[in-house]
C-alpha atoms as a PDB file:
ATOM      1  CA  MET A   1      42.591 -21.036  17.581  1.00  0.00           C
ATOM      2  CA  GLU A   2      41.920 -20.225  20.982  1.00  0.00           C
ATOM      3  CA  GLU A   3      38.737 -21.502  22.705  1.00  0.00           C
ATOM      4  CA  ASP A   4      36.985 -19.344  25.035  1.00  0.00           C
ATOM      5  CA  ASP A   5      34.369 -21.369  27.047  1.00  0.00           C
ATOM      6  CA  GLY A   6      36.678 -20.511  30.602  1.00  0.00           C
ATOM      7  CA  VAL A   7      38.635 -23.855  29.766  1.00  0.00           C
ATOM      8  CA  GLU A   8      42.695 -22.937  30.068  1.00  0.00           C
ATOM      9  CA  ASP A   9      45.145 -24.134  27.704  1.00  0.00           C
ATOM     10  CA  GLY A  10      46.834 -26.052  30.329  1.00  0.00           C
ATOM     11  CA  ASP A  11      43.205 -27.181  31.764  1.00  0.00           C
ATOM     12  CA  LEU A  12      43.202 -28.884  29.001  1.00  0.00           C
ATOM     13  CA  TRP A  13      45.972 -31.036  28.956  1.00  0.00           C
ATOM     14  CA  SER A  14      45.491 -32.120  32.063  1.00  0.00           C
ATOM     15  CA  ALA A  15      42.808 -33.657  31.473  1.00  0.00           C
ATOM     16  CA  VAL A  16      44.291 -35.262  28.602  1.00  0.00           C
ATOM     17  CA  THR A  17      47.652 -36.897  29.863  1.00  0.00           C
ATOM     18  CA  ARG A  18      44.978 -38.156  32.850  1.00  0.00           C
ATOM     19  CA  THR A  19      43.566 -40.577  29.909  1.00  0.00           C
ATOM     20  CA  ILE A  20      46.754 -42.011  28.140  1.00  0.00           C
ATOM     21  CA  THR A  21      48.580 -44.722  28.734  1.00  0.00           C
ATOM     22  CA  PRO A  22      52.237 -44.742  28.827  1.00  0.00           C
ATOM     23  CA  LEU A  23      54.148 -47.577  25.832  1.00  0.00           C
ATOM     24  CA  SER A  24      55.137 -50.468  27.442  1.00  0.00           C
ATOM     25  CA  GLY A  25      57.993 -50.996  29.401  1.00  0.00           C
ATOM     26  CA  ARG A  26      57.859 -46.751  30.037  1.00  0.00           C
ATOM     27  CA  PRO A  27      56.343 -44.821  33.322  1.00  0.00           C
ATOM     28  CA  LYS A  28      53.578 -43.530  33.633  1.00  0.00           C
ATOM     29  CA  PRO A  29      54.722 -39.438  33.008  1.00  0.00           C
ATOM     30  CA  ALA A  30      53.875 -37.750  36.288  1.00  0.00           C
ATOM     31  CA  VAL A  31      51.902 -34.972  35.487  1.00  0.00           C
ATOM     32  CA  LYS A  32      51.341 -31.737  36.981  1.00  0.00           C
ATOM     33  CA  GLU A  33      47.923 -30.439  38.136  1.00  0.00           C
ATOM     34  CA  ALA A  34      48.365 -26.681  37.296  1.00  0.00           C
ATOM     35  CA  PRO A  35      46.892 -24.185  40.058  1.00  0.00           C
ATOM     36  CA  GLN A  36      43.090 -23.493  40.011  1.00  0.00           C
ATOM     37  CA  LYS A  37      42.575 -20.132  39.306  1.00  0.00           C
ATOM     38  CA  LYS A  38      40.319 -17.976  41.607  1.00  0.00           C
ATOM     39  CA  THR A  39      37.567 -17.233  39.446  1.00  0.00           C
ATOM     40  CA  LYS A  40      36.049 -13.055  40.135  1.00  0.00           C
ATOM     41  CA  LYS A  41      33.110 -13.607  41.299  1.00  0.00           C
ATOM     42  CA  THR A  42      30.440 -10.882  40.072  1.00  0.00           C
ATOM     43  CA  LYS A  43      26.715  -9.466  40.697  1.00  0.00           C
ATOM     44  CA  PRO A  44      24.414 -10.115  38.206  1.00  0.00           C
ATOM     45  CA  LEU A  45      23.029  -7.278  36.927  1.00  0.00           C
ATOM     46  CA  ALA A  46      20.125  -5.469  38.184  1.00  0.00           C
ATOM     47  CA  LYS A  47      17.241  -5.975  36.411  1.00  0.00           C
ATOM     48  CA  ILE A  48      16.112  -2.398  34.813  1.00  0.00           C
ATOM     49  CA  VAL A  49      12.562  -1.826  35.204  1.00  0.00           C
ATOM     50  CA  ARG A  50      10.408   0.643  32.852  1.00  0.00           C
ATOM     51  CA  PRO A  51       7.311   1.697  33.491  1.00  0.00           C
ATOM     52  CA  PRO A  52       4.703  -0.126  30.727  1.00  0.00           C
ATOM     53  CA  SER A  53       4.571   2.496  27.503  1.00  0.00           C
ATOM     54  CA  PRO A  54       1.002   3.355  27.317  1.00  0.00           C
ATOM     55  CA  PRO A  55      -0.885   1.648  24.809  1.00  0.00           C
ATOM     56  CA  VAL A  56      -0.855   2.697  21.400  1.00  0.00           C
ATOM     57  CA  ALA A  57      -3.859   3.784  19.771  1.00  0.00           C
ATOM     58  CA  ALA A  58      -4.839   2.641  16.184  1.00  0.00           C
ATOM     59  CA  LYS A  59      -4.262   5.220  13.743  1.00  0.00           C
ATOM     60  CA  PRO A  60      -7.686   5.714  11.170  1.00  0.00           C
ATOM     61  CA  PRO A  61      -6.782   4.449   7.756  1.00  0.00           C
ATOM     62  CA  ARG A  62      -5.705   7.287   6.004  1.00  0.00           C
ATOM     63  CA  PRO A  63      -8.285   8.129   3.183  1.00  0.00           C
ATOM     64  CA  PRO A  64      -7.196   6.944  -0.485  1.00  0.00           C
ATOM     65  CA  ALA A  65      -5.054   9.949  -2.512  1.00  0.00           C
ATOM     66  CA  ASP A  66      -7.277  12.019  -4.652  1.00  0.00           C
ATOM     67  CA  LEU A  67      -7.702  10.927  -8.284  1.00  0.00           C
ATOM     68  CA  SER A  68      -6.621  13.028 -11.632  1.00  0.00           C
ATOM     69  CA  PRO A  69      -7.628  12.404 -14.334  1.00  0.00           C
ATOM     70  CA  GLY A  70      -5.880   9.729 -16.710  1.00  0.00           C
ATOM     71  CA  ASP A  71      -4.206   8.333 -13.460  1.00  0.00           C
ATOM     72  CA  LEU A  72      -4.065   4.569 -14.146  1.00  0.00           C
ATOM     73  CA  THR A  73      -1.602   3.775 -11.829  1.00  0.00           C
ATOM     74  CA  ALA A  74      -3.968   1.768  -9.783  1.00  0.00           C
ATOM     75  CA  MET A  75      -4.540  -1.160 -12.732  1.00  0.00           C
ATOM     76  CA  ASP A  76      -2.334  -3.296 -15.048  1.00  0.00           C
ATOM     77  CA  ARG A  77      -1.365  -2.140 -18.431  1.00  0.00           C
ATOM     78  CA  ARG A  78      -3.522  -4.295 -20.322  1.00  0.00           C
ATOM     79  CA  THR A  79      -6.545  -3.150 -18.358  1.00  0.00           C
ATOM     80  CA  ALA A  80      -5.153   0.499 -18.317  1.00  0.00           C
ATOM     81  CA  ASP A  81      -4.507   0.098 -22.058  1.00  0.00           C
ATOM     82  CA  LYS A  82      -8.622  -1.053 -22.376  1.00  0.00           C
ATOM     83  CA  PHE A  83      -9.855   1.817 -20.259  1.00  0.00           C
ATOM     84  CA  ARG A  84      -8.284   4.764 -22.019  1.00  0.00           C
ATOM     85  CA  ARG A  85      -8.457   3.356 -25.295  1.00  0.00           C
ATOM     86  CA  GLY A  86     -13.018   2.539 -24.833  1.00  0.00           C
ATOM     87  CA  GLN A  87     -12.280  -0.215 -25.910  1.00  0.00           C
ATOM     88  CA  MET A  88     -14.315  -1.543 -21.985  1.00  0.00           C
ATOM     89  CA  ALA A  89     -18.227  -2.102 -21.920  1.00  0.00           C
ATOM     90  CA  ILE A  90     -19.775   0.611 -20.810  1.00  0.00           C
ATOM     91  CA  GLU A  91     -22.591  -0.977 -17.969  1.00  0.00           C
ATOM     92  CA  GLY A  92     -23.777   2.638 -17.417  1.00  0.00           C
ATOM     93  CA  VAL A  93     -24.552   6.139 -18.569  1.00  0.00           C
ATOM     94  CA  LEU A  94     -25.190   9.405 -16.183  1.00  0.00           C
ATOM     95  CA  ASP A  95     -26.037  12.944 -18.498  1.00  0.00           C
ATOM     96  CA  LEU A  96     -25.650  15.616 -16.542  1.00  0.00           C
ATOM     97  CA  HIS A  97     -26.027  17.869 -19.749  1.00  0.00           C
ATOM     98  CA  GLY A  98     -28.215  21.243 -18.179  1.00  0.00           C
ATOM     99  CA  HIS A  99     -28.318  20.288 -14.361  1.00  0.00           C
ATOM    100  CA  GLN A 100     -27.300  22.963 -12.029  1.00  0.00           C
ATOM    101  CA  GLN A 101     -24.869  22.033  -9.926  1.00  0.00           C
ATOM    102  CA  VAL A 102     -26.244  21.439  -7.119  1.00  0.00           C
ATOM    103  CA  ARG A 103     -29.296  18.856  -8.387  1.00  0.00           C
ATOM    104  CA  ALA A 104     -25.760  16.916 -10.577  1.00  0.00           C
ATOM    105  CA  HIS A 105     -23.932  16.499  -7.646  1.00  0.00           C
ATOM    106  CA  SER A 106     -26.778  14.300  -6.162  1.00  0.00           C
ATOM    107  CA  GLU A 107     -27.416  12.516  -9.343  1.00  0.00           C
ATOM    108  CA  LEU A 108     -23.888  11.528  -9.159  1.00  0.00           C
ATOM    109  CA  ASN A 109     -23.197  10.926  -6.171  1.00  0.00           C
ATOM    110  CA  ALA A 110     -26.618   8.199  -5.966  1.00  0.00           C
ATOM    111  CA  PHE A 111     -25.423   7.074  -9.469  1.00  0.00           C
ATOM    112  CA  ILE A 112     -22.167   6.084  -8.573  1.00  0.00           C
ATOM    113  CA  SER A 113     -23.185   4.148  -5.139  1.00  0.00           C
ATOM    114  CA  ALA A 114     -26.156   2.623  -7.344  1.00  0.00           C
ATOM    115  CA  SER A 115     -23.660   1.488  -9.969  1.00  0.00           C
ATOM    116  CA  ALA A 116     -20.929  -0.029  -7.308  1.00  0.00           C
ATOM    117  CA  ALA A 117     -23.640  -1.380  -5.799  1.00  0.00           C
ATOM    118  CA  GLY A 118     -25.068  -3.818  -8.683  1.00  0.00           C
ATOM    119  CA  GLY A 119     -21.354  -4.513  -9.206  1.00  0.00           C
ATOM    120  CA  LYS A 120     -21.087  -2.313 -12.083  1.00  0.00           C
ATOM    121  CA  ARG A 121     -17.370  -1.635 -13.477  1.00  0.00           C
ATOM    122  CA  CYS A 122     -17.031   1.132 -16.315  1.00  0.00           C
ATOM    123  CA  LEU A 123     -19.149   3.802 -16.298  1.00  0.00           C
ATOM    124  CA  LEU A 124     -19.852   7.243 -18.236  1.00  0.00           C
ATOM    125  CA  VAL A 125     -20.605  10.736 -16.861  1.00  0.00           C
ATOM    126  CA  VAL A 126     -21.479  13.290 -19.558  1.00  0.00           C
ATOM    127  CA  THR A 127     -20.872  16.378 -17.898  1.00  0.00           C
ATOM    128  CA  GLY A 128     -20.967  18.320 -21.067  1.00  0.00           C
ATOM    129  CA  LYS A 129     -18.221  20.519 -22.855  1.00  0.00           C
ATOM    130  CA  GLY A 130     -19.819  24.240 -21.246  1.00  0.00           C
ATOM    131  CA  GLU A 131     -20.930  27.471 -23.143  1.00  0.00           C
ATOM    132  CA  ARG A 132     -19.073  28.057 -25.992  1.00  0.00           C
ATOM    133  CA  GLN A 133     -17.700  31.413 -26.632  1.00  0.00           C
ATOM    134  CA  GLY A 134     -16.998  31.707 -30.307  1.00  0.00           C
ATOM    135  CA  VAL A 135     -14.544  31.742 -32.898  1.00  0.00           C
ATOM    136  CA  GLU A 136     -12.622  34.722 -31.945  1.00  0.00           C
ATOM    137  CA  LYS A 137     -11.715  32.919 -28.717  1.00  0.00           C
ATOM    138  CA  GLY A 138     -11.525  29.439 -30.518  1.00  0.00           C
ATOM    139  CA  TRP A 139     -14.170  28.290 -29.464  1.00  0.00           C
ATOM    140  CA  ARG A 140     -13.458  27.622 -26.431  1.00  0.00           C
ATOM    141  CA  GLY A 141     -15.473  27.489 -23.434  1.00  0.00           C
ATOM    142  CA  LYS A 142     -15.692  27.226 -19.787  1.00  0.00           C
ATOM    143  CA  GLY A 143     -17.558  24.276 -18.450  1.00  0.00           C
ATOM    144  CA  VAL A 144     -18.868  24.022 -14.750  1.00  0.00           C
ATOM    145  CA  LEU A 145     -19.644  20.607 -14.712  1.00  0.00           C
ATOM    146  CA  ARG A 146     -17.024  19.316 -16.684  1.00  0.00           C
ATOM    147  CA  GLU A 147     -14.436  20.813 -14.306  1.00  0.00           C
ATOM    148  CA  ALA A 148     -16.293  20.193 -11.222  1.00  0.00           C
ATOM    149  CA  VAL A 149     -17.554  16.298 -11.404  1.00  0.00           C
ATOM    150  CA  PRO A 150     -13.284  14.975 -11.069  1.00  0.00           C
ATOM    151  CA  GLY A 151     -14.040  16.334  -7.606  1.00  0.00           C
ATOM    152  CA  TRP A 152     -16.727  15.048  -6.350  1.00  0.00           C
ATOM    153  CA  LEU A 153     -15.536  11.814  -7.437  1.00  0.00           C
ATOM    154  CA  ASN A 154     -12.787  12.843  -5.265  1.00  0.00           C
ATOM    155  CA  ALA A 155     -14.845  12.988  -2.732  1.00  0.00           C
ATOM    156  CA  PRO A 156     -14.953  10.168   0.199  1.00  0.00           C
ATOM    157  CA  SER A 157     -18.561   8.842  -0.231  1.00  0.00           C
ATOM    158  CA  ASN A 158     -17.543   8.246  -4.066  1.00  0.00           C
ATOM    159  CA  ARG A 159     -13.577   7.696  -3.849  1.00  0.00           C
ATOM    160  CA  ALA A 160     -14.202   4.616  -1.988  1.00  0.00           C
ATOM    161  CA  HIS A 161     -15.523   3.447  -5.081  1.00  0.00           C
ATOM    162  CA  VAL A 162     -13.495   4.805  -8.100  1.00  0.00           C
ATOM    163  CA  LEU A 163     -11.043   2.978  -8.523  1.00  0.00           C
ATOM    164  CA  SER A 164     -10.062   5.726 -11.946  1.00  0.00           C
ATOM    165  CA  PHE A 165     -11.183   8.058 -14.359  1.00  0.00           C
ATOM    166  CA  CYS A 166     -10.252   9.801 -17.440  1.00  0.00           C
ATOM    167  CA  PRO A 167     -11.342  12.084 -20.294  1.00  0.00           C
ATOM    168  CA  ALA A 168     -13.579   9.777 -22.233  1.00  0.00           C
ATOM    169  CA  GLN A 169     -12.586   8.734 -26.069  1.00  0.00           C
ATOM    170  CA  PRO A 170     -14.952  11.651 -29.189  1.00  0.00           C
ATOM    171  CA  LYS A 171     -17.109   8.593 -30.171  1.00  0.00           C
ATOM    172  CA  ASP A 172     -18.982   8.913 -26.566  1.00  0.00           C
ATOM    173  CA  GLY A 173     -18.234  12.331 -25.737  1.00  0.00           C
ATOM    174  CA  GLY A 174     -14.794  13.195 -25.856  1.00  0.00           C
ATOM    175  CA  ASP A 175     -13.621  15.959 -23.505  1.00  0.00           C
ATOM    176  CA  GLY A 176     -17.053  16.671 -22.380  1.00  0.00           C
ATOM    177  CA  ALA A 177     -17.524  13.227 -20.652  1.00  0.00           C
ATOM    178  CA  LEU A 178     -15.389  11.246 -18.509  1.00  0.00           C
ATOM    179  CA  TYR A 179     -14.878   6.908 -17.888  1.00  0.00           C
ATOM    180  CA  VAL A 180     -15.086   6.567 -14.084  1.00  0.00           C
ATOM    181  CA  LEU A 181     -14.053   2.795 -13.499  1.00  0.00           C
ATOM    182  CA  LEU A 182     -15.571   1.269 -10.000  1.00  0.00           C
ATOM    183  CA  LYS A 183     -13.418  -0.426  -7.770  1.00  0.00           C
ATOM    184  CA  ARG A 184     -14.543  -5.274  -7.995  1.00  0.00           C
ATOM    185  CA  ASN A 185     -16.692  -5.341  -5.494  1.00  0.00           C
ATOM    186  CA  ARG A 186     -15.582  -8.122  -3.235  1.00  0.00           C
ATOM    187  CA  ASP A 187     -18.149  -8.850  -0.857  1.00  0.00           C
ATOM    188  CA  GLY A 188     -19.875 -11.987  -2.686  1.00  0.00           C
END
């Protein structure tokens, strides 16, 4: 094993033999001095001076990703199951039946904001199923509010408060209603 700390084997042996005492009756061995090695002086490396980098501007916070109905990944499994099954206590209900879009949108925004400020968590938003087209169309209908409300819940003003939403259970309106879970109010 070689040591690489600048000490040669000969130098080390000379240092050791200078400290020994011979056995009784024997002369001290002659110590050969190893020739001194000339060390090459190297110039220190020039310091590299780099211009200061421009300050990094703080990135604005990314808006949360849009939620899709039934996306329950933002909560633990137990809460998600209770929420999806309609087993959480509903703390506020907004019925938008018969409202025109502009009025429904402003009422939804006010409802979400007031509910969040009041510390409510689980809400029910009733949109209705829309007009029915009859048996020949399979009783299908297009609900304008039913299609618009998920987009409104994803609007930045509401998305700041909404954790998740999903279709309601039949007892609470089924496809014509949504459960909305608000984020916990951490301010107080």
